[in-house]
Amino acid sequence: MIKKISNAKTNYLKKEYIYKKRLKELRHTFNHSEKITRNYSQLFQDLFVLTVLNGKKNGSYIEIGSSDPVRINNTFLLESTFDWIGLGYDINKNLVEKYNNVRKNSCLLKDATTTNFNEDFQKFNIPHEVDYLQIDIEPAKYSLECLNRIPFDNYRFKVITFETECYTEGNIYEIESRQLLRKKGYSHVYTRVGRLGKFQEDWYVHDSFYKKFAEIFEVTELNEVDPREIFYKNYSINKFKIFFGVLYSLIFNRKDIYK
C-alpha cells in the first residue's frame, strides 16, 4: 500500500506555494502538535482530524476528491508527519498521476459515484475502523451520490468532512447528507464551515467520539463558522472581508476563490 518516493520527486514537496499557518497560536494542542510547522488544508480539516484524535500516529484515511497531492490537501500532513496510511480517489488523470508520483499512499483513477468501495477497501487492506473520511466532489450532487455508496454497514469512520457547496447550491445537499449520516450514527458538530461567507462544508464525528469532541472544543454545534475561530487563539473575523467575500461569490459564482 505504501510506496517509496524517489529523490527526484521530493523537489515537488519543497515548493513554497502552500499555506503557512500560525501554529504557535493554536487554541487546542495535541500530541506532536509541536512538530508541525505548517498545515495544508484549505479549511483546517487536517488540524480538525488531528485535534479530535489527539495527534494520532499511524492512522488511516479515505480521501474522495483528492485533487492536488499537497496544495490545499487534507491528508498530506497526516501522511507525511503522522505516518498515516490511506487511499485516495480522483477522476482527473493528471492529478492522479501527480499524486502517485509524490505521495506514499495510492490514489485511484476512479469515479467515486460508481466504484465498488467494498471491493476497493478490501483490495487495499483498509481497516474496518477508518480514522478520517473526506468527501469533496464538485458539484455537490456527486458528493451526495458518493456518500450514498459508502459501505457504512461494514466500515466506521471516526471523523468525516463533507462538502455541500451550500453557498452556491443552497441547502438541498446539506439536508439529505445530514439525514443519512445521522441514521448511520454520526454527530453533526460544525455546520457550514467556510471563509469570507463562502460556507461549504459540514463536519462530523462518530457518535462514539462525540463526548471527546465536546470536551476538547467545548461546544455542541456551531453554525456558519470560520475555522480560524476554531483553531486560533483570540481570532476575530473582519466583517468587511466577509461582506465582500459574500458579494464576490454572488456576483461571480466562483468556486475557486481560494485555490
Protein backbone atom coordinates (compact mmCIF):
# COMPACT_ATOMS: atom_id res chain seq x y z
CA MET A 1 0.00 0.00 0.00
CA ILE A 2 2.85 2.38 0.81
CA LYS A 3 5.15 3.47 -1.99
CA LYS A 4 8.63 4.92 -1.76
CA ILE A 5 9.29 8.42 -3.10
CA SER A 6 12.36 8.92 -5.27
CA ASN A 7 14.77 11.78 -4.51
CA ALA A 8 13.93 13.44 -7.83
CA LYS A 9 10.27 13.70 -6.86
CA THR A 10 10.91 15.31 -3.49
CA ASN A 11 11.54 18.65 -5.23
CA TYR A 12 7.79 18.95 -5.72
CA LEU A 13 7.32 18.89 -1.96
CA LYS A 14 9.72 21.80 -1.46
CA LYS A 15 7.64 24.33 -3.39
CA GLU A 16 6.65 27.26 -1.22
CA TYR A 17 3.12 27.84 -2.52
CA ILE A 18 1.43 26.03 0.36
CA TYR A 19 -0.33 27.87 3.14
CA LYS A 20 1.73 28.63 6.26
CA LYS A 21 -0.40 28.91 9.38
CA ARG A 22 0.16 30.43 12.82
CA LEU A 23 0.54 27.09 14.51
CA LYS A 24 2.07 28.63 17.65
CA GLU A 25 -1.30 30.25 18.26
CA LEU A 26 -3.26 27.01 18.28
CA ARG A 27 -6.20 27.11 20.66
CA HIS A 28 -6.11 23.32 21.12
CA THR A 29 -2.79 21.48 21.20
CA PHE A 30 -2.48 17.72 20.76
CA ASN A 31 0.21 15.05 20.79
CA HIS A 32 3.10 16.00 18.48
CA SER A 33 1.49 19.35 17.53
CA GLU A 34 4.84 20.99 18.27
CA LYS A 35 6.32 19.12 15.28
CA ILE A 36 4.00 20.82 12.80
CA THR A 37 5.47 23.83 11.03
CA ARG A 38 2.55 24.28 8.63
CA ASN A 39 -0.73 22.70 7.67
CA TYR A 40 -2.07 22.15 4.19
CA SER A 41 -5.87 22.04 4.32
CA GLN A 42 -7.84 24.96 2.98
CA LEU A 43 -10.22 24.99 5.96
CA PHE A 44 -8.01 23.33 8.61
CA GLN A 45 -9.56 19.90 8.07
CA ASP A 46 -6.21 18.26 8.82
CA LEU A 47 -5.96 20.08 12.16
CA PHE A 48 -9.55 19.20 13.00
CA VAL A 49 -8.85 15.50 12.47
CA LEU A 50 -5.63 15.61 14.49
CA THR A 51 -7.23 17.57 17.31
CA VAL A 52 -10.18 15.18 17.68
CA LEU A 53 -7.84 12.17 17.57
CA ASN A 54 -5.17 13.81 19.77
CA GLY A 55 -2.40 13.72 17.17
CA LYS A 56 -2.81 10.03 16.41
CA LYS A 57 0.13 8.33 14.71
CA ASN A 58 -0.30 5.57 12.11
CA GLY A 59 -3.93 6.41 11.45
CA SER A 60 -5.96 5.74 8.31
CA TYR A 61 -7.93 7.80 5.82
CA ILE A 62 -10.16 7.61 2.74
CA GLU A 63 -9.81 10.73 0.60
CA ILE A 64 -12.52 11.10 -2.06
CA GLY A 65 -11.77 14.03 -4.32
CA SER A 66 -8.01 14.02 -3.70
CA SER A 67 -7.12 16.81 -6.14
CA ASP A 68 -3.54 18.11 -5.74
CA PRO A 69 -1.37 15.83 -3.57
CA VAL A 70 -0.02 18.70 -1.44
CA ARG A 71 -1.59 22.08 -2.11
CA ILE A 72 -4.89 22.55 -0.23
CA ASN A 73 -4.81 18.86 0.59
CA ASN A 74 -6.47 17.42 3.70
CA THR A 75 -4.34 14.29 4.13
CA PHE A 76 -0.77 15.26 3.21
CA LEU A 77 0.06 16.34 6.76
CA LEU A 78 -1.47 13.14 8.14
CA GLU A 79 0.63 11.02 5.80
CA SER A 80 3.92 12.94 5.88
CA THR A 81 4.18 13.86 9.57
CA PHE A 82 1.93 11.35 11.34
CA ASP A 83 2.60 8.27 9.19
CA TRP A 84 -0.99 7.58 8.19
CA ILE A 85 -1.95 5.05 5.54
CA GLY A 86 -4.82 5.72 3.20
CA LEU A 87 -6.46 5.59 -0.18
CA GLY A 88 -7.42 8.46 -2.48
CA TYR A 89 -9.87 8.81 -5.37
CA ASP A 90 -9.95 11.31 -8.18
CA ILE A 91 -11.34 11.38 -11.70
CA ASN A 92 -8.65 13.69 -13.11
CA LYS A 93 -5.92 11.59 -14.73
CA ASN A 94 -3.21 14.26 -14.46
CA LEU A 95 -3.87 14.83 -10.76
CA VAL A 96 -3.88 11.11 -10.04
CA GLU A 97 -0.54 10.67 -11.81
CA LYS A 98 0.92 13.60 -9.87
CA TYR A 99 -0.45 12.22 -6.62
CA ASN A 100 1.05 8.78 -7.18
CA ASN A 101 4.41 10.31 -8.10
CA VAL A 102 4.53 12.41 -4.94
CA ARG A 103 2.68 10.59 -2.20
CA LYS A 104 3.47 7.35 -0.39
CA ASN A 105 -0.15 6.22 -0.37
CA SER A 106 -2.10 5.47 -3.53
CA CYS A 107 -4.76 7.44 -5.38
CA LEU A 108 -7.13 5.56 -7.72
CA LEU A 109 -8.27 6.94 -11.06
CA LYS A 110 -11.91 6.08 -10.50
CA ASP A 111 -15.35 7.64 -10.50
CA ALA A 112 -16.37 7.60 -6.84
CA THR A 113 -20.07 7.73 -7.80
CA THR A 114 -19.88 4.33 -9.49
CA THR A 115 -16.99 2.41 -7.90
CA ASN A 116 -17.47 -0.53 -5.54
CA PHE A 117 -15.95 0.72 -2.28
CA ASN A 118 -16.19 -2.65 -0.56
CA GLU A 119 -14.01 -4.22 -3.25
CA ASP A 120 -11.56 -1.31 -3.26
CA PHE A 121 -11.19 -1.25 0.52
CA GLN A 122 -10.63 -4.99 0.68
CA LYS A 123 -8.04 -4.89 -2.10
CA PHE A 124 -6.03 -2.17 -0.33
CA ASN A 125 -6.46 -3.67 3.16
CA ILE A 126 -8.35 -0.69 4.54
CA PRO A 127 -9.18 -1.31 8.22
CA HIS A 128 -12.86 -1.57 9.13
CA GLU A 129 -12.43 1.35 11.51
CA VAL A 130 -11.08 4.28 9.48
CA ASP A 131 -9.97 7.45 11.22
CA TYR A 132 -10.92 10.01 8.58
CA LEU A 133 -13.27 10.13 5.59
CA GLN A 134 -13.17 13.10 3.21
CA ILE A 135 -15.84 13.55 0.53
CA ASP A 136 -15.21 16.58 -1.65
CA ILE A 137 -16.51 16.30 -5.22
CA GLU A 138 -17.85 19.15 -7.31
CA PRO A 139 -20.66 19.79 -7.99
CA ALA A 140 -22.09 18.75 -4.63
CA LYS A 141 -24.66 16.36 -6.08
CA TYR A 142 -21.79 13.99 -6.83
CA SER A 143 -20.62 14.19 -3.24
CA LEU A 144 -24.10 13.10 -2.18
CA GLU A 145 -24.14 10.27 -4.73
CA CYS A 146 -20.80 9.11 -3.39
CA LEU A 147 -21.98 9.33 0.21
CA ASN A 148 -24.85 7.00 -0.59
CA ARG A 149 -22.36 4.40 -1.85
CA ILE A 150 -20.11 4.37 1.23
CA PRO A 151 -20.39 0.95 2.95
CA PHE A 152 -21.26 2.29 6.40
CA ASP A 153 -22.52 -1.12 7.50
CA ASN A 154 -19.04 -2.60 7.03
CA TYR A 155 -16.81 0.39 7.83
CA ARG A 156 -16.87 3.00 10.58
CA PHE A 157 -15.26 6.44 10.27
CA LYS A 158 -14.23 8.43 13.32
CA VAL A 159 -14.23 11.84 11.58
CA ILE A 160 -15.96 12.92 8.36
CA THR A 161 -15.74 16.17 6.41
CA PHE A 162 -18.39 16.50 3.71
CA GLU A 163 -18.55 19.30 1.14
CA THR A 164 -22.05 20.65 0.46
CA GLU A 165 -21.20 23.82 -1.53
CA CYS A 166 -24.18 25.46 0.16
CA TYR A 167 -23.02 28.94 -0.83
CA THR A 168 -23.86 28.12 -4.46
CA GLU A 169 -26.11 25.05 -4.21
CA GLY A 170 -28.42 26.00 -1.35
CA ASN A 171 -29.34 23.53 1.39
CA ILE A 172 -30.62 20.54 -0.62
CA TYR A 173 -27.42 18.51 -0.25
CA GLU A 174 -27.00 19.60 3.35
CA ILE A 175 -30.42 18.26 4.29
CA GLU A 176 -30.03 14.89 2.57
CA SER A 177 -26.47 14.25 3.72
CA ARG A 178 -27.27 15.18 7.33
CA GLN A 179 -30.27 12.86 7.41
CA LEU A 180 -28.22 9.97 6.05
CA LEU A 181 -25.28 10.44 8.38
CA ARG A 182 -27.45 10.84 11.46
CA LYS A 183 -29.10 7.50 10.65
CA LYS A 184 -25.66 5.93 10.31
CA GLY A 185 -24.56 7.08 13.77
CA TYR A 186 -22.66 10.31 13.16
CA SER A 187 -22.94 13.52 15.17
CA HIS A 188 -23.05 16.74 13.19
CA VAL A 189 -20.66 19.07 15.04
CA TYR A 190 -19.83 22.00 12.72
CA THR A 191 -22.31 23.37 10.21
CA ARG A 192 -21.32 25.36 7.13
CA VAL A 193 -17.60 25.65 7.69
CA GLY A 194 -16.04 28.22 5.37
CA ARG A 195 -14.31 31.54 4.91
CA LEU A 196 -15.45 35.04 3.98
CA GLY A 197 -19.06 33.97 3.63
CA LYS A 198 -18.17 31.05 1.38
CA PHE A 199 -19.58 28.34 3.67
CA GLN A 200 -19.15 24.96 2.06
CA GLU A 201 -18.61 22.02 4.43
CA ASP A 202 -20.20 20.08 7.27
CA TRP A 203 -18.04 18.25 9.83
CA TYR A 204 -19.00 15.11 11.73
CA VAL A 205 -17.63 12.74 14.34
CA HIS A 206 -18.87 9.24 15.03
CA ASP A 207 -21.29 9.17 17.96
CA SER A 208 -18.75 7.20 20.00
CA PHE A 209 -16.32 10.14 19.72
CA TYR A 210 -18.79 12.92 20.40
CA LYS A 211 -18.06 13.16 24.10
CA LYS A 212 -14.35 13.51 23.40
CA PHE A 213 -15.04 16.17 20.76
CA ALA A 214 -17.25 18.17 23.13
CA GLU A 215 -14.62 18.08 25.88
CA ILE A 216 -11.92 19.40 23.56
CA PHE A 217 -13.85 22.06 21.69
CA GLU A 218 -16.30 22.95 24.48
CA VAL A 219 -19.17 23.37 22.03
CA THR A 220 -22.09 21.28 20.89
CA GLU A 221 -22.50 22.70 17.39
CA LEU A 222 -21.53 25.89 15.57
CA ASN A 223 -23.30 27.23 12.51
CA GLU A 224 -21.60 29.18 9.69
CA VAL A 225 -18.20 29.09 11.33
CA ASP A 226 -14.85 30.32 10.06
CA PRO A 227 -12.31 27.61 11.02
CA ARG A 228 -9.83 30.27 12.11
CA GLU A 229 -12.19 30.94 15.02
CA ILE A 230 -11.98 27.27 15.98
CA PHE A 231 -8.22 26.87 15.85
CA TYR A 232 -6.62 30.26 16.56
CA LYS A 233 -6.47 31.98 19.92
CA ASN A 234 -8.00 35.45 20.06
CA TYR A 235 -9.04 35.37 16.41
CA SER A 236 -11.65 37.91 15.32
CA ILE A 237 -13.44 37.98 11.99
CA ASN A 238 -13.19 41.03 9.77
CA LYS A 239 -16.83 41.75 8.91
CA PHE A 240 -15.87 43.83 5.89
CA LYS A 241 -13.97 40.88 4.41
CA ILE A 242 -17.00 38.65 4.98
CA PHE A 243 -19.27 41.15 3.23
CA PHE A 244 -17.04 41.47 0.19
CA GLY A 245 -16.44 37.72 0.13
CA VAL A 246 -20.17 37.03 0.01
CA LEU A 247 -20.69 39.77 -2.59
CA TYR A 248 -17.90 38.39 -4.79
CA SER A 249 -19.34 34.87 -4.61
CA LEU A 250 -22.83 36.09 -5.50
CA ILE A 251 -21.65 38.17 -8.46
CA PHE A 252 -19.14 35.80 -9.98
CA ASN A 253 -20.38 32.47 -8.57
CA ARG A 254 -16.75 31.44 -8.31
CA LYS A 255 -15.79 28.12 -6.68
CA ASP A 256 -12.05 28.63 -6.94
CA ILE A 257 -11.61 31.86 -4.95
CA TYR A 258 -9.14 30.29 -2.55
CA LYS A 259 -7.49 27.87 -4.97
